[in-house]
PDB file of N, CA and C in Angstrom:
ATOM      1  N   UNK A   1     -28.100  33.245 -31.936  1.00  0.00           N
ATOM      2  CA  UNK A   1     -26.817  32.204 -32.137  1.00  0.00           C
ATOM      3  C   UNK A   1     -26.776  31.442 -30.501  1.00  0.00           C
ATOM      4  N   UNK A   2     -26.051  30.384 -30.418  1.00  0.00           N
ATOM      5  CA  UNK A   2     -26.357  29.406 -29.563  1.00  0.00           C
ATOM      6  C   UNK A   2     -24.707  29.891 -29.147  1.00  0.00           C
ATOM      7  N   UNK A   3     -25.083  29.971 -27.762  1.00  0.00           N
ATOM      8  CA  UNK A   3     -23.944  29.707 -26.694  1.00  0.00           C
ATOM      9  C   UNK A   3     -23.593  28.803 -25.773  1.00  0.00           C
ATOM     10  N   UNK A   4     -22.525  28.024 -25.813  1.00  0.00           N
ATOM     11  CA  UNK A   4     -22.211  26.834 -25.204  1.00  0.00           C
ATOM     12  C   UNK A   4     -21.663  27.655 -23.581  1.00  0.00           C
ATOM     13  N   UNK A   5     -22.238  27.145 -22.771  1.00  0.00           N
ATOM     14  CA  UNK A   5     -21.398  27.723 -21.413  1.00  0.00           C
ATOM     15  C   UNK A   5     -20.505  26.553 -20.673  1.00  0.00           C
ATOM     16  N   UNK A   6     -19.672  26.891 -20.085  1.00  0.00           N
ATOM     17  CA  UNK A   6     -19.156  26.428 -18.939  1.00  0.00           C
ATOM     18  C   UNK A   6     -19.431  26.534 -17.421  1.00  0.00           C
ATOM     19  N   UNK A   7     -20.662  25.698 -17.157  1.00  0.00           N
ATOM     20  CA  UNK A   7     -21.150  25.953 -16.108  1.00  0.00           C
ATOM     21  C   UNK A   7     -20.181  26.321 -14.844  1.00  0.00           C
ATOM     22  N   UNK A   8     -19.114  25.344 -14.452  1.00  0.00           N
ATOM     23  CA  UNK A   8     -18.588  25.614 -13.568  1.00  0.00           C
ATOM     24  C   UNK A   8     -17.502  26.918 -13.359  1.00  0.00           C
ATOM     25  N   UNK A   9     -17.135  27.628 -14.402  1.00  0.00           N
ATOM     26  CA  UNK A   9     -16.577  28.913 -14.665  1.00  0.00           C
ATOM     27  C   UNK A   9     -16.866  29.589 -14.859  1.00  0.00           C
ATOM     28  N   UNK A  10     -18.464  29.278 -15.607  1.00  0.00           N
ATOM     29  CA  UNK A  10     -19.905  30.620 -15.333  1.00  0.00           C
ATOM     30  C   UNK A  10     -18.889  31.399 -16.487  1.00  0.00           C
ATOM     31  N   UNK A  11     -18.357  30.895 -17.485  1.00  0.00           N
ATOM     32  CA  UNK A  11     -18.167  31.345 -18.736  1.00  0.00           C
ATOM     33  C   UNK A  11     -18.848  30.851 -20.322  1.00  0.00           C
ATOM     34  N   UNK A  12     -18.965  31.416 -21.365  1.00  0.00           N
ATOM     35  CA  UNK A  12     -19.179  31.386 -22.146  1.00  0.00           C
ATOM     36  C   UNK A  12     -17.990  30.748 -23.027  1.00  0.00           C
ATOM     37  N   UNK A  13     -18.104  29.598 -23.720  1.00  0.00           N
ATOM     38  CA  UNK A  13     -16.969  28.973 -24.205  1.00  0.00           C
ATOM     39  C   UNK A  13     -16.911  29.109 -25.713  1.00  0.00           C
ATOM     40  N   UNK A  14     -18.111  29.189 -26.452  1.00  0.00           N
ATOM     41  CA  UNK A  14     -18.454  28.991 -27.583  1.00  0.00           C
ATOM     42  C   UNK A  14     -19.733  29.247 -28.118  1.00  0.00           C
ATOM     43  N   UNK A  15     -20.028  30.244 -29.013  1.00  0.00           N
ATOM     44  CA  UNK A  15     -20.410  31.135 -29.943  1.00  0.00           C
ATOM     45  C   UNK A  15     -20.982  30.222 -31.278  1.00  0.00           C
ATOM     46  N   UNK A  16     -21.981  30.088 -31.419  1.00  0.00           N
ATOM     47  CA  UNK A  16     -21.934  29.341 -32.860  1.00  0.00           C
ATOM     48  C   UNK A  16     -23.296  30.203 -33.612  1.00  0.00           C
ATOM     49  N   UNK A  17     -22.879  30.923 -34.723  1.00  0.00           N
ATOM     50  CA  UNK A  17     -24.142  31.949 -35.199  1.00  0.00           C
ATOM     51  C   UNK A  17     -24.167  31.032 -37.077  1.00  0.00           C
ATOM     52  N   UNK A  18     -25.318  31.329 -37.193  1.00  0.00           N
ATOM     53  CA  UNK A  18     -25.220  30.754 -38.947  1.00  0.00           C
ATOM     54  C   UNK A  18     -26.874  31.226 -39.294  1.00  0.00           C
ATOM     55  N   UNK A  19     -27.903  30.932 -38.290  1.00  0.00           N
ATOM     56  CA  UNK A  19     -29.101  30.875 -38.412  1.00  0.00           C
ATOM     57  C   UNK A  19     -29.603  32.379 -38.301  1.00  0.00           C
ATOM     58  N   UNK A  20     -31.211  32.747 -39.353  1.00  0.00           N
ATOM     59  CA  UNK A  20     -31.210  33.786 -39.676  1.00  0.00           C
ATOM     60  C   UNK A  20     -32.398  34.185 -38.732  1.00  0.00           C
ATOM     61  N   UNK A  21     -32.964  33.377 -38.219  1.00  0.00           N
ATOM     62  CA  UNK A  21     -34.095  34.007 -37.774  1.00  0.00           C
ATOM     63  C   UNK A  21     -33.557  33.128 -35.763  1.00  0.00           C
ATOM     64  N   UNK A  22     -34.637  33.168 -34.895  1.00  0.00           N
ATOM     65  CA  UNK A  22     -34.422  32.710 -33.331  1.00  0.00           C
ATOM     66  C   UNK A  22     -34.691  31.271 -33.776  1.00  0.00           C
ATOM     67  N   UNK A  23     -33.800  30.021 -32.696  1.00  0.00           N
ATOM     68  CA  UNK A  23     -33.874  29.115 -32.701  1.00  0.00           C
ATOM     69  C   UNK A  23     -34.536  28.684 -32.089  1.00  0.00           C
ATOM     70  N   UNK A  24     -35.642  27.503 -32.123  1.00  0.00           N
ATOM     71  CA  UNK A  24     -36.528  26.689 -31.857  1.00  0.00           C
ATOM     72  C   UNK A  24     -36.389  25.525 -30.820  1.00  0.00           C
ATOM     73  N   UNK A  25     -35.052  24.999 -31.363  1.00  0.00           N
ATOM     74  CA  UNK A  25     -34.904  23.975 -30.461  1.00  0.00           C
ATOM     75  C   UNK A  25     -33.469  22.924 -31.183  1.00  0.00           C
ATOM     76  N   UNK A  26     -33.312  22.338 -29.947  1.00  0.00           N
ATOM     77  CA  UNK A  26     -31.951  22.057 -29.799  1.00  0.00           C
ATOM     78  C   UNK A  26     -31.716  20.565 -29.444  1.00  0.00           C
ATOM     79  N   UNK A  27     -31.030  19.795 -29.814  1.00  0.00           N
ATOM     80  CA  UNK A  27     -30.448  18.358 -28.849  1.00  0.00           C
ATOM     81  C   UNK A  27     -29.171  18.276 -29.353  1.00  0.00           C
ATOM     82  N   UNK A  28     -28.543  17.764 -27.723  1.00  0.00           N
ATOM     83  CA  UNK A  28     -26.776  17.599 -28.472  1.00  0.00           C
ATOM     84  C   UNK A  28     -26.843  15.534 -29.244  1.00  0.00           C
ATOM     85  N   UNK A  29     -25.889  15.293 -29.864  1.00  0.00           N
ATOM     86  CA  UNK A  29     -25.578  14.235 -30.165  1.00  0.00           C
ATOM     87  C   UNK A  29     -25.400  13.077 -28.641  1.00  0.00           C
ATOM     88  N   UNK A  30     -25.565  11.766 -29.068  1.00  0.00           N
ATOM     89  CA  UNK A  30     -25.364  10.913 -28.342  1.00  0.00           C
ATOM     90  C   UNK A  30     -24.189  10.738 -27.772  1.00  0.00           C
ATOM     91  N   UNK A  31     -22.779  11.277 -28.230  1.00  0.00           N
ATOM     92  CA  UNK A  31     -21.415  11.066 -28.295  1.00  0.00           C
ATOM     93  C   UNK A  31     -21.103  12.152 -27.800  1.00  0.00           C
ATOM     94  N   UNK A  32     -21.337  13.421 -27.537  1.00  0.00           N
ATOM     95  CA  UNK A  32     -21.447  14.838 -27.631  1.00  0.00           C
ATOM     96  C   UNK A  32     -20.765  15.920 -28.077  1.00  0.00           C
ATOM     97  N   UNK A  33     -19.954  15.747 -29.200  1.00  0.00           N
ATOM     98  CA  UNK A  33     -19.446  15.822 -30.030  1.00  0.00           C
ATOM     99  C   UNK A  33     -20.079  17.113 -31.152  1.00  0.00           C
ATOM    100  N   UNK A  34     -21.324  17.013 -31.024  1.00  0.00           N
ATOM    101  CA  UNK A  34     -21.950  17.726 -32.195  1.00  0.00           C
ATOM    102  C   UNK A  34     -23.483  17.950 -31.356  1.00  0.00           C
ATOM    103  N   UNK A  35     -23.990  19.006 -32.168  1.00  0.00           N
ATOM    104  CA  UNK A  35     -25.049  19.309 -31.337  1.00  0.00           C
ATOM    105  C   UNK A  35     -26.386  19.774 -33.157  1.00  0.00           C
ATOM    106  N   UNK A  36     -27.570  19.741 -32.291  1.00  0.00           N
ATOM    107  CA  UNK A  36     -28.116  20.279 -33.778  1.00  0.00           C
ATOM    108  C   UNK A  36     -29.327  21.445 -33.605  1.00  0.00           C
ATOM    109  N   UNK A  37     -29.921  22.310 -34.312  1.00  0.00           N
ATOM    110  CA  UNK A  37     -30.260  23.448 -33.745  1.00  0.00           C
ATOM    111  C   UNK A  37     -31.350  23.031 -35.154  1.00  0.00           C
ATOM    112  N   UNK A  38     -33.028  24.120 -34.698  1.00  0.00           N
ATOM    113  CA  UNK A  38     -33.725  24.143 -35.444  1.00  0.00           C
ATOM    114  C   UNK A  38     -34.357  25.171 -35.293  1.00  0.00           C
ATOM    115  N   UNK A  39     -34.409  26.259 -36.662  1.00  0.00           N
ATOM    116  CA  UNK A  39     -35.141  27.454 -36.481  1.00  0.00           C
ATOM    117  C   UNK A  39     -36.202  28.125 -37.000  1.00  0.00           C
ATOM    118  N   UNK A  40     -36.385  29.602 -36.586  1.00  0.00           N
ATOM    119  CA  UNK A  40     -37.899  29.998 -37.312  1.00  0.00           C
ATOM    120  C   UNK A  40     -37.307  30.421 -39.011  1.00  0.00           C
ATOM    121  N   UNK A  41     -36.610  30.087 -39.152  1.00  0.00           N
ATOM    122  CA  UNK A  41     -35.937  30.521 -40.679  1.00  0.00           C
ATOM    123  C   UNK A  41     -35.698  28.932 -41.261  1.00  0.00           C
ATOM    124  N   UNK A  42     -36.733  28.023 -41.218  1.00  0.00           N
ATOM    125  CA  UNK A  42     -37.178  27.043 -41.230  1.00  0.00           C
ATOM    126  C   UNK A  42     -36.017  26.012 -41.604  1.00  0.00           C
ATOM    127  N   UNK A  43     -34.848  26.017 -41.261  1.00  0.00           N
ATOM    128  CA  UNK A  43     -33.685  25.528 -41.565  1.00  0.00           C
ATOM    129  C   UNK A  43     -33.226  24.445 -40.082  1.00  0.00           C
ATOM    130  N   UNK A  44     -32.503  23.421 -40.690  1.00  0.00           N
ATOM    131  CA  UNK A  44     -31.846  22.519 -39.438  1.00  0.00           C
ATOM    132  C   UNK A  44     -30.418  22.568 -39.408  1.00  0.00           C
ATOM    133  N   UNK A  45     -29.537  23.249 -38.873  1.00  0.00           N
ATOM    134  CA  UNK A  45     -28.021  23.194 -38.708  1.00  0.00           C
ATOM    135  C   UNK A  45     -27.835  22.096 -37.679  1.00  0.00           C
ATOM    136  N   UNK A  46     -26.382  21.330 -38.345  1.00  0.00           N
ATOM    137  CA  UNK A  46     -25.728  20.585 -37.325  1.00  0.00           C
ATOM    138  C   UNK A  46     -24.581  20.956 -37.025  1.00  0.00           C
ATOM    139  N   UNK A  47     -23.880  21.072 -35.994  1.00  0.00           N
ATOM    140  CA  UNK A  47     -22.891  22.109 -35.741  1.00  0.00           C
ATOM    141  C   UNK A  47     -21.627  20.922 -34.996  1.00  0.00           C
ATOM    142  N   UNK A  48     -20.244  21.217 -35.600  1.00  0.00           N
ATOM    143  CA  UNK A  48     -19.199  20.401 -34.646  1.00  0.00           C
ATOM    144  C   UNK A  48     -18.918  21.011 -33.617  1.00  0.00           C
ATOM    145  N   UNK A  49     -18.777  20.627 -32.582  1.00  0.00           N
ATOM    146  CA  UNK A  49     -18.744  21.610 -31.235  1.00  0.00           C
ATOM    147  C   UNK A  49     -16.979  21.929 -31.107  1.00  0.00           C
ATOM    148  N   UNK A  50     -16.564  20.751 -31.100  1.00  0.00           N
ATOM    149  CA  UNK A  50     -14.990  20.840 -31.601  1.00  0.00           C
ATOM    150  C   UNK A  50     -14.345  21.567 -32.260  1.00  0.00           C
ATOM    151  N   UNK A  51     -14.982  21.869 -33.626  1.00  0.00           N
ATOM    152  CA  UNK A  51     -14.254  22.177 -35.186  1.00  0.00           C
ATOM    153  C   UNK A  51     -15.043  24.160 -34.527  1.00  0.00           C
ATOM    154  N   UNK A  52     -15.799  24.022 -33.913  1.00  0.00           N
ATOM    155  CA  UNK A  52     -16.735  25.482 -33.365  1.00  0.00           C
ATOM    156  C   UNK A  52     -17.741  26.198 -34.748  1.00  0.00           C
ATOM    157  N   UNK A  53     -17.991  25.277 -35.326  1.00  0.00           N
ATOM    158  CA  UNK A  53     -18.957  25.590 -36.348  1.00  0.00           C
ATOM    159  C   UNK A  53     -19.862  24.627 -36.763  1.00  0.00           C
ATOM    160  N   UNK A  54     -20.961  25.327 -38.143  1.00  0.00           N
ATOM    161  CA  UNK A  54     -21.820  24.577 -38.809  1.00  0.00           C
ATOM    162  C   UNK A  54     -21.304  23.812 -39.710  1.00  0.00           C
ATOM    163  N   UNK A  55     -21.379  22.416 -39.755  1.00  0.00           N
ATOM    164  CA  UNK A  55     -20.976  21.707 -40.758  1.00  0.00           C
ATOM    165  C   UNK A  55     -21.890  21.472 -42.127  1.00  0.00           C
ATOM    166  N   UNK A  56     -23.180  21.293 -41.640  1.00  0.00           N
ATOM    167  CA  UNK A  56     -24.137  21.210 -42.974  1.00  0.00           C
ATOM    168  C   UNK A  56     -25.230  21.544 -42.035  1.00  0.00           C
ATOM    169  N   UNK A  57     -26.153  22.212 -43.213  1.00  0.00           N
ATOM    170  CA  UNK A  57     -27.511  23.187 -42.956  1.00  0.00           C
ATOM    171  C   UNK A  57     -28.326  22.138 -43.675  1.00  0.00           C
ATOM    172  N   UNK A  58     -29.394  21.686 -43.554  1.00  0.00           N
ATOM    173  CA  UNK A  58     -30.660  20.974 -43.549  1.00  0.00           C
ATOM    174  C   UNK A  58     -31.868  21.666 -44.039  1.00  0.00           C
ATOM    175  N   UNK A  59     -32.406  21.738 -45.417  1.00  0.00           N
ATOM    176  CA  UNK A  59     -33.198  22.431 -45.683  1.00  0.00           C
ATOM    177  C   UNK A  59     -34.222  21.170 -45.958  1.00  0.00           C
ATOM    178  N   UNK A  60     -36.003  21.543 -45.853  1.00  0.00           N
ATOM    179  CA  UNK A  60     -37.116  20.673 -46.267  1.00  0.00           C
ATOM    180  C   UNK A  60     -38.554  21.545 -45.257  1.00  0.00           C
ATOM    181  N   UNK A  61     -38.372  22.008 -44.112  1.00  0.00           N
ATOM    182  CA  UNK A  61     -39.541  22.027 -43.516  1.00  0.00           C
ATOM    183  C   UNK A  61     -39.631  24.066 -44.433  1.00  0.00           C
ATOM    184  N   UNK A  62     -41.053  23.846 -44.285  1.00  0.00           N
ATOM    185  CA  UNK A  62     -41.645  25.143 -44.998  1.00  0.00           C
ATOM    186  C   UNK A  62     -42.157  26.279 -44.022  1.00  0.00           C
ATOM    187  N   UNK A  63     -41.775  25.691 -42.598  1.00  0.00           N
ATOM    188  CA  UNK A  63     -42.143  26.411 -41.651  1.00  0.00           C
ATOM    189  C   UNK A  63     -41.212  26.233 -40.450  1.00  0.00           C
ATOM    190  N   UNK A  64     -41.802  26.817 -39.317  1.00  0.00           N
ATOM    191  CA  UNK A  64     -40.735  26.803 -38.100  1.00  0.00           C
ATOM    192  C   UNK A  64     -40.590  25.059 -38.113  1.00  0.00           C
ATOM    193  N   UNK A  65     -38.906  24.962 -37.677  1.00  0.00           N
ATOM    194  CA  UNK A  65     -38.775  23.719 -37.049  1.00  0.00           C
ATOM    195  C   UNK A  65     -38.921  23.609 -35.304  1.00  0.00           C
ATOM    196  N   UNK A  66     -40.238  23.211 -35.050  1.00  0.00           N
ATOM    197  CA  UNK A  66     -40.513  23.322 -33.188  1.00  0.00           C
ATOM    198  C   UNK A  66     -39.697  22.246 -32.656  1.00  0.00           C
ATOM    199  N   UNK A  67     -39.203  21.595 -33.619  1.00  0.00           N
ATOM    200  CA  UNK A  67     -38.250  20.250 -32.232  1.00  0.00           C
ATOM    201  C   UNK A  67     -37.571  18.858 -33.343  1.00  0.00           C
ATOM    202  N   UNK A  68     -36.445  18.684 -32.393  1.00  0.00           N
ATOM    203  CA  UNK A  68     -35.104  18.198 -33.135  1.00  0.00           C
ATOM    204  C   UNK A  68     -35.089  16.564 -31.682  1.00  0.00           C
ATOM    205  N   UNK A  69     -34.494  15.656 -32.798  1.00  0.00           N
ATOM    206  CA  UNK A  69     -34.369  14.250 -31.552  1.00  0.00           C
ATOM    207  C   UNK A  69     -33.063  13.449 -32.826  1.00  0.00           C
ATOM    208  N   UNK A  70     -31.979  13.328 -32.050  1.00  0.00           N
ATOM    209  CA  UNK A  70     -31.194  12.339 -32.558  1.00  0.00           C
ATOM    210  C   UNK A  70     -31.109  10.742 -32.025  1.00  0.00           C
ATOM    211  N   UNK A  71     -31.316  10.418 -32.863  1.00  0.00           N
ATOM    212  CA  UNK A  71     -31.473   8.694 -33.177  1.00  0.00           C
ATOM    213  C   UNK A  71     -30.501   8.334 -31.797  1.00  0.00           C
ATOM    214  N   UNK A  72     -30.362   7.277 -31.340  1.00  0.00           N
ATOM    215  CA  UNK A  72     -29.870   6.690 -30.002  1.00  0.00           C
ATOM    216  C   UNK A  72     -28.509   6.325 -30.719  1.00  0.00           C
ATOM    217  N   UNK A  73     -28.722   5.769 -31.967  1.00  0.00           N
ATOM    218  CA  UNK A  73     -27.325   5.851 -32.258  1.00  0.00           C
ATOM    219  C   UNK A  73     -26.778   7.119 -32.719  1.00  0.00           C
ATOM    220  N   UNK A  74     -27.370   8.441 -32.767  1.00  0.00           N
ATOM    221  CA  UNK A  74     -26.612   9.297 -33.660  1.00  0.00           C
ATOM    222  C   UNK A  74     -26.910   9.296 -34.913  1.00  0.00           C
ATOM    223  N   UNK A  75     -27.036   8.263 -35.829  1.00  0.00           N
ATOM    224  CA  UNK A  75     -26.863   8.565 -37.094  1.00  0.00           C
ATOM    225  C   UNK A  75     -28.246   9.057 -37.923  1.00  0.00           C
ATOM    226  N   UNK A  76     -29.183   9.412 -37.409  1.00  0.00           N
ATOM    227  CA  UNK A  76     -30.192  10.342 -37.923  1.00  0.00           C
ATOM    228  C   UNK A  76     -31.125  11.257 -36.534  1.00  0.00           C
ATOM    229  N   UNK A  77     -31.376  12.558 -37.678  1.00  0.00           N
ATOM    230  CA  UNK A  77     -31.998  13.086 -36.766  1.00  0.00           C
ATOM    231  C   UNK A  77     -33.779  13.258 -37.227  1.00  0.00           C
ATOM    232  N   UNK A  78     -34.612  13.138 -36.344  1.00  0.00           N
ATOM    233  CA  UNK A  78     -35.730  13.678 -37.043  1.00  0.00           C
ATOM    234  C   UNK A  78     -36.498  15.076 -36.018  1.00  0.00           C
ATOM    235  N   UNK A  79     -36.869  15.719 -37.304  1.00  0.00           N
ATOM    236  CA  UNK A  79     -37.216  16.944 -36.944  1.00  0.00           C
ATOM    237  C   UNK A  79     -38.709  17.368 -37.437  1.00  0.00           C
ATOM    238  N   UNK A  80     -39.569  17.902 -36.487  1.00  0.00           N
ATOM    239  CA  UNK A  80     -40.796  18.453 -36.429  1.00  0.00           C
ATOM    240  C   UNK A  80     -41.086  19.497 -36.883  1.00  0.00           C
ATOM    241  N   UNK A  81     -41.809  20.350 -37.822  1.00  0.00           N
ATOM    242  CA  UNK A  81     -42.205  21.208 -38.136  1.00  0.00           C
ATOM    243  C   UNK A  81     -43.728  21.879 -38.198  1.00  0.00           C
ATOM    244  N   UNK A  82     -43.485  23.222 -38.047  1.00  0.00           N
ATOM    245  CA  UNK A  82     -44.951  23.991 -38.158  1.00  0.00           C
ATOM    246  C   UNK A  82     -45.909  23.567 -38.781  1.00  0.00           C
ATOM    247  N   UNK A  83     -45.654  22.544 -39.977  1.00  0.00           N
ATOM    248  CA  UNK A  83     -46.329  22.786 -41.140  1.00  0.00           C
ATOM    249  C   UNK A  83     -46.677  20.813 -40.413  1.00  0.00           C
ATOM    250  N   UNK A  84     -46.604  20.262 -39.865  1.00  0.00           N
ATOM    251  CA  UNK A  84     -47.516  19.153 -39.548  1.00  0.00           C
ATOM    252  C   UNK A  84     -46.967  17.993 -39.983  1.00  0.00           C
ATOM    253  N   UNK A  85     -45.288  18.171 -40.816  1.00  0.00           N
ATOM    254  CA  UNK A  85     -44.327  17.178 -40.998  1.00  0.00           C
ATOM    255  C   UNK A  85     -43.131  16.813 -39.876  1.00  0.00           C
ATOM    256  N   UNK A  86     -42.825  15.203 -39.779  1.00  0.00           N
ATOM    257  CA  UNK A  86     -41.645  15.116 -39.250  1.00  0.00           C
ATOM    258  C   UNK A  86     -41.139  14.585 -40.491  1.00  0.00           C
ATOM    259  N   UNK A  87     -39.711  15.048 -40.425  1.00  0.00           N
ATOM    260  CA  UNK A  87     -38.882  14.407 -41.208  1.00  0.00           C
ATOM    261  C   UNK A  87     -37.722  13.782 -40.915  1.00  0.00           C
ATOM    262  N   UNK A  88     -37.678  12.427 -41.128  1.00  0.00           N
ATOM    263  CA  UNK A  88     -36.554  11.705 -40.539  1.00  0.00           C
ATOM    264  C   UNK A  88     -35.757  10.875 -41.697  1.00  0.00           C
ATOM    265  N   UNK A  89     -34.031  11.282 -41.743  1.00  0.00           N
ATOM    266  CA  UNK A  89     -33.294  10.817 -42.432  1.00  0.00           C
ATOM    267  C   UNK A  89     -33.818  10.904 -43.834  1.00  0.00           C
ATOM    268  N   UNK A  90     -34.106  11.715 -44.253  1.00  0.00           N
ATOM    269  CA  UNK A  90     -34.285  12.534 -45.912  1.00  0.00           C
ATOM    270  C   UNK A  90     -36.049  12.316 -46.031  1.00  0.00           C
ATOM    271  N   UNK A  91     -36.929  11.393 -45.108  1.00  0.00           N
ATOM    272  CA  UNK A  91     -37.937  11.371 -45.701  1.00  0.00           C
ATOM    273  C   UNK A  91     -39.107  12.520 -45.438  1.00  0.00           C
ATOM    274  N   UNK A  92     -40.356  12.235 -45.464  1.00  0.00           N
ATOM    275  CA  UNK A  92     -41.608  13.197 -45.224  1.00  0.00           C
ATOM    276  C   UNK A  92     -42.840  12.517 -44.499  1.00  0.00           C
ATOM    277  N   UNK A  93     -43.064  12.372 -43.529  1.00  0.00           N
ATOM    278  CA  UNK A  93     -44.462  11.636 -42.685  1.00  0.00           C
ATOM    279  C   UNK A  93     -45.301  12.684 -42.555  1.00  0.00           C
ATOM    280  N   UNK A  94     -46.347  12.974 -43.271  1.00  0.00           N
ATOM    281  CA  UNK A  94     -47.233  13.790 -42.641  1.00  0.00           C
ATOM    282  C   UNK A  94     -47.945  13.360 -41.387  1.00  0.00           C
ATOM    283  N   UNK A  95     -48.218  14.062 -40.675  1.00  0.00           N
ATOM    284  CA  UNK A  95     -49.261  13.398 -39.528  1.00  0.00           C
ATOM    285  C   UNK A  95     -50.584  14.501 -39.482  1.00  0.00           C
ATOM    286  N   UNK A  96     -51.687  13.598 -39.417  1.00  0.00           N
ATOM    287  CA  UNK A  96     -52.820  13.995 -39.195  1.00  0.00           C
ATOM    288  C   UNK A  96     -53.121  14.266 -37.777  1.00  0.00           C
ATOM    289  N   UNK A  97     -53.927  15.233 -37.085  1.00  0.00           N
ATOM    290  CA  UNK A  97     -54.453  15.980 -35.903  1.00  0.00           C
ATOM    291  C   UNK A  97     -55.667  16.198 -36.296  1.00  0.00           C
TER     292      UNK A  97
END
């Protein structure tokens, strides 16, 4: 679960559940109303903080999602998986190490 805290009040204001395994990475949308999370369950979830829930689940990685980043305009999400693949806007780009 993701827990959103109000640090001034020192209390949890939201708990977002949905992943079937531990969360490995998160990123906040540039405008603050959304966040994305990647998990050991290989999924990426897009969360609407105002509506307090998951609004979309992306599949595509075959292993753990290790990193996530919104584009500066908030229109795209880039994700990096344990299998050595970077996904950007629905395309796959293998990384050679």
